[in-house]
Amino acid sequence: MTLETGKVARQATGAVIVSMGATQVLATVVGGSKQIRAKIFFPLTVNYQEKTYAVGKIPGGFFKREGRPTEKETLTSRFIDRPIRPLFPKGFMNEVQVI
């Protein structure tokens, strides 16, 4: 397994490319610099996307773009959200996006 940082997604707060064999995963994190006091919950957003064109599947029809997230992608986003949410300190209310 290899980890590479600083080569892509330089505008993100943090980014890493994880490679193992022929598989590569890009994980990025963007954190807001302003704390939102009016919120009563920690604003954490997790987006998990499986690109169909990465495995050779091109969407058919007029629009050749990725569609809305599948049920599997939504559930995987939740599986990622649940274990990392408690790792942030109590009272931390900055907006965070994990993609």
C-alpha atoms as a PDB file:
ATOM      1  CA  MET A   1       0.000   0.000   0.000  1.00  0.00           C
ATOM      2  CA  THR A   2       1.300   3.451  -0.890  1.00  0.00           C
ATOM      3  CA  LEU A   3       0.086   6.832   0.348  1.00  0.00           C
ATOM      4  CA  GLU A   4       0.751  10.007  -1.662  1.00  0.00           C
ATOM      5  CA  THR A   5      -0.018  13.537  -0.513  1.00  0.00           C
ATOM      6  CA  GLY A   6       0.535  16.992  -1.957  1.00  0.00           C
ATOM      7  CA  LYS A   7       0.212  15.985  -5.623  1.00  0.00           C
ATOM      8  CA  VAL A   8      -3.501  16.472  -6.328  1.00  0.00           C
ATOM      9  CA  ALA A   9      -6.391  18.462  -4.805  1.00  0.00           C
ATOM     10  CA  ARG A  10      -4.098  21.166  -3.470  1.00  0.00           C
ATOM     11  CA  GLN A  11      -7.001  23.489  -2.607  1.00  0.00           C
ATOM     12  CA  ALA A  12      -8.413  20.921  -0.171  1.00  0.00           C
ATOM     13  CA  THR A  13      -7.465  21.088   3.499  1.00  0.00           C
ATOM     14  CA  GLY A  14      -6.099  17.557   3.172  1.00  0.00           C
ATOM     15  CA  ALA A  15      -5.876  15.010   0.349  1.00  0.00           C
ATOM     16  CA  VAL A  16      -4.336  11.567  -0.057  1.00  0.00           C
ATOM     17  CA  ILE A  17      -4.144   9.013  -2.861  1.00  0.00           C
ATOM     18  CA  VAL A  18      -4.090   5.453  -1.527  1.00  0.00           C
ATOM     19  CA  SER A  19      -2.805   2.827  -3.988  1.00  0.00           C
ATOM     20  CA  MET A  20      -2.834  -0.924  -3.591  1.00  0.00           C
ATOM     21  CA  GLY A  21      -2.137  -2.985  -6.667  1.00  0.00           C
ATOM     22  CA  ALA A  22      -4.224  -1.642  -9.560  1.00  0.00           C
ATOM     23  CA  THR A  23      -6.695   0.124  -7.241  1.00  0.00           C
ATOM     24  CA  GLN A  24      -6.402   3.810  -6.357  1.00  0.00           C
ATOM     25  CA  VAL A  25      -8.596   5.849  -4.008  1.00  0.00           C
ATOM     26  CA  LEU A  26      -8.557   9.638  -3.679  1.00  0.00           C
ATOM     27  CA  ALA A  27      -9.753  10.951  -0.314  1.00  0.00           C
ATOM     28  CA  THR A  28     -10.076  14.689   0.311  1.00  0.00           C
ATOM     29  CA  VAL A  29     -11.154  16.717   3.330  1.00  0.00           C
ATOM     30  CA  VAL A  30     -12.210  20.358   3.351  1.00  0.00           C
ATOM     31  CA  GLY A  31     -12.743  22.140   6.646  1.00  0.00           C
ATOM     32  CA  GLY A  32     -14.345  25.531   7.166  1.00  0.00           C
ATOM     33  CA  SER A  33     -12.325  28.172   8.990  1.00  0.00           C
ATOM     34  CA  LYS A  34     -15.296  29.785  10.733  1.00  0.00           C
ATOM     35  CA  GLN A  35     -17.075  28.114  13.613  1.00  0.00           C
ATOM     36  CA  ILE A  36     -20.861  28.221  13.439  1.00  0.00           C
ATOM     37  CA  ARG A  37     -22.227  28.885  16.929  1.00  0.00           C
ATOM     38  CA  ALA A  38     -25.937  28.700  16.021  1.00  0.00           C
ATOM     39  CA  LYS A  39     -25.673  25.017  15.078  1.00  0.00           C
ATOM     40  CA  ILE A  40     -26.619  22.382  17.634  1.00  0.00           C
ATOM     41  CA  PHE A  41     -24.994  19.576  15.657  1.00  0.00           C
ATOM     42  CA  PHE A  42     -21.623  18.978  14.032  1.00  0.00           C
ATOM     43  CA  PRO A  43     -21.960  19.819  10.290  1.00  0.00           C
ATOM     44  CA  LEU A  44     -20.104  16.839   8.755  1.00  0.00           C
ATOM     45  CA  THR A  45     -20.786  15.942   5.111  1.00  0.00           C
ATOM     46  CA  VAL A  46     -19.487  12.702   3.589  1.00  0.00           C
ATOM     47  CA  ASN A  47     -19.724  12.079  -0.172  1.00  0.00           C
ATOM     48  CA  TYR A  48     -18.725   8.660  -1.478  1.00  0.00           C
ATOM     49  CA  GLN A  49     -18.728   8.282  -5.270  1.00  0.00           C
ATOM     50  CA  GLU A  50     -18.016   5.287  -7.445  1.00  0.00           C
ATOM     51  CA  LYS A  51     -17.254   6.592 -10.908  1.00  0.00           C
ATOM     52  CA  THR A  52     -18.833   4.239 -13.439  1.00  0.00           C
ATOM     53  CA  TYR A  53     -16.437   5.266 -16.178  1.00  0.00           C
ATOM     54  CA  ALA A  54     -13.521   4.155 -13.966  1.00  0.00           C
ATOM     55  CA  VAL A  55     -14.590   0.534 -14.455  1.00  0.00           C
ATOM     56  CA  GLY A  56     -15.456   0.968 -18.129  1.00  0.00           C
ATOM     57  CA  LYS A  57     -19.201   1.537 -17.752  1.00  0.00           C
ATOM     58  CA  ILE A  58     -20.394   4.616 -19.623  1.00  0.00           C
ATOM     59  CA  PRO A  59     -23.943   5.777 -18.782  1.00  0.00           C
ATOM     60  CA  GLY A  60     -26.256   5.429 -21.780  1.00  0.00           C
ATOM     61  CA  GLY A  61     -28.817   7.887 -23.094  1.00  0.00           C
ATOM     62  CA  PHE A  62     -28.569  11.560 -23.987  1.00  0.00           C
ATOM     63  CA  PHE A  63     -26.695  12.663 -20.854  1.00  0.00           C
ATOM     64  CA  LYS A  64     -23.355  10.932 -20.363  1.00  0.00           C
ATOM     65  CA  ARG A  65     -22.848  12.229 -16.829  1.00  0.00           C
ATOM     66  CA  GLU A  66     -22.895  10.480 -13.504  1.00  0.00           C
ATOM     67  CA  GLY A  67     -26.397  10.306 -12.071  1.00  0.00           C
ATOM     68  CA  ARG A  68     -27.550  10.781  -8.520  1.00  0.00           C
ATOM     69  CA  PRO A  69     -25.921   8.631  -5.831  1.00  0.00           C
ATOM     70  CA  THR A  70     -26.979   5.003  -5.735  1.00  0.00           C
ATOM     71  CA  GLU A  71     -28.319   3.405  -2.577  1.00  0.00           C
ATOM     72  CA  LYS A  72     -24.949   1.664  -2.113  1.00  0.00           C
ATOM     73  CA  GLU A  73     -23.098   5.002  -2.316  1.00  0.00           C
ATOM     74  CA  THR A  74     -25.481   6.587   0.206  1.00  0.00           C
ATOM     75  CA  LEU A  75     -25.068   3.694   2.649  1.00  0.00           C
ATOM     76  CA  THR A  76     -21.279   3.717   2.216  1.00  0.00           C
ATOM     77  CA  SER A  77     -21.258   7.467   2.989  1.00  0.00           C
ATOM     78  CA  ARG A  78     -23.116   6.708   6.221  1.00  0.00           C
ATOM     79  CA  PHE A  79     -20.691   3.881   7.058  1.00  0.00           C
ATOM     80  CA  ILE A  80     -17.830   6.385   6.705  1.00  0.00           C
ATOM     81  CA  ASP A  81     -19.638   9.137   8.665  1.00  0.00           C
ATOM     82  CA  ARG A  82     -20.523   7.079  11.745  1.00  0.00           C
ATOM     83  CA  PRO A  83     -17.013   6.041  12.872  1.00  0.00           C
ATOM     84  CA  ILE A  84     -15.241   9.366  12.132  1.00  0.00           C
ATOM     85  CA  ARG A  85     -17.831  11.660  13.765  1.00  0.00           C
ATOM     86  CA  PRO A  86     -16.714  10.846  17.365  1.00  0.00           C
ATOM     87  CA  LEU A  87     -13.064  11.546  16.456  1.00  0.00           C
ATOM     88  CA  PHE A  88     -13.725  15.303  16.351  1.00  0.00           C
ATOM     89  CA  PRO A  89     -13.529  17.168  19.683  1.00  0.00           C
ATOM     90  CA  LYS A  90     -16.728  18.149  21.502  1.00  0.00           C
ATOM     91  CA  GLY A  91     -17.760  21.691  20.672  1.00  0.00           C
ATOM     92  CA  PHE A  92     -16.078  21.612  17.245  1.00  0.00           C
ATOM     93  CA  MET A  93     -18.702  23.169  14.958  1.00  0.00           C
ATOM     94  CA  ASN A  94     -16.708  24.038  11.836  1.00  0.00           C
ATOM     95  CA  GLU A  95     -18.208  22.664   8.650  1.00  0.00           C
ATOM     96  CA  VAL A  96     -16.273  19.629   7.350  1.00  0.00           C
ATOM     97  CA  GLN A  97     -16.659  17.789   4.028  1.00  0.00           C
ATOM     98  CA  VAL A  98     -15.119  14.382   3.370  1.00  0.00           C
ATOM     99  CA  ILE A  99     -15.170  13.374  -0.287  1.00  0.00           C
END
